[in-house]
């Protein structure tokens, strides 16, 4: 239910978090205050661009009025276009990439497509980038790792979001961090073995990035033991993937607003 908020001056943001298992949305006031109940839909498979657009349209109408849209997407996004999408290139979680799905997603201009659907200025970024926008301190080199259907990562320096890199695709134990620490492997090997594997992967991330602080989020972060994380590492709540919807506009500037091709409905 929509909530009245006394300091609600400025644009309201519809924040959408696209996950490999669920699609979530809330509306945020200008200062980041949540002004609606979170709604969720199951992620359908196979998930082609038209299927995802239809699902997000259905999700958006469950939310109150808003002025702009922020979207976190589980794949590499450059200038609003999909560069790579590990989750939706598969016909189901844990399955190998499907060439037809890879071809449909690669290069797809998701930001423009959603802006036209919503009739609002829209910004799309990798989901780990969005979550990181909500949790970092803004000081030094900061690394955000998200644990969900797959593994996401984002890097910030003095509060600035650096160009997205798929660090989780690096070789790890004969496969990749993306596969070895993903949810499908967690279910296969069990909680304890998965926890140990994730801690080893975090060490590998730190060796690559040398961060001053590391944040661990995503839906599976709550399955870790906080006391075992080690120094300069912080668990963050999964809701950050939505709360980053405001900070995404602030940390990436206004240069990527969708132009006048969309109209305010």
Foldseek 3Di string as FASTA:
>chain_A
DFADDPPQPDWKEWFWEDDLFKIKTFIAGLVLHTGDDIDMDTDAFLCFLVNVLVVVLVRVVVYDDTAEYEYAAAAAADLQAGQFHQRNLARHQPHDGDVVRRVRRHGHNRQVSNCQSQLHWYDYGHLQLLLCLQDDPLAAWEKEWEAEQFIAIWIDGSLATDRGDRQQQDDDPNGGNRPCQGPVNCVVPDLVVSQVRVLVVVVVVCVVRVTQAYEYEYPCLVSHDQVPNDPRYYYDYNCSSRSSRSSVCVNVDDPSTDDPPGHHD
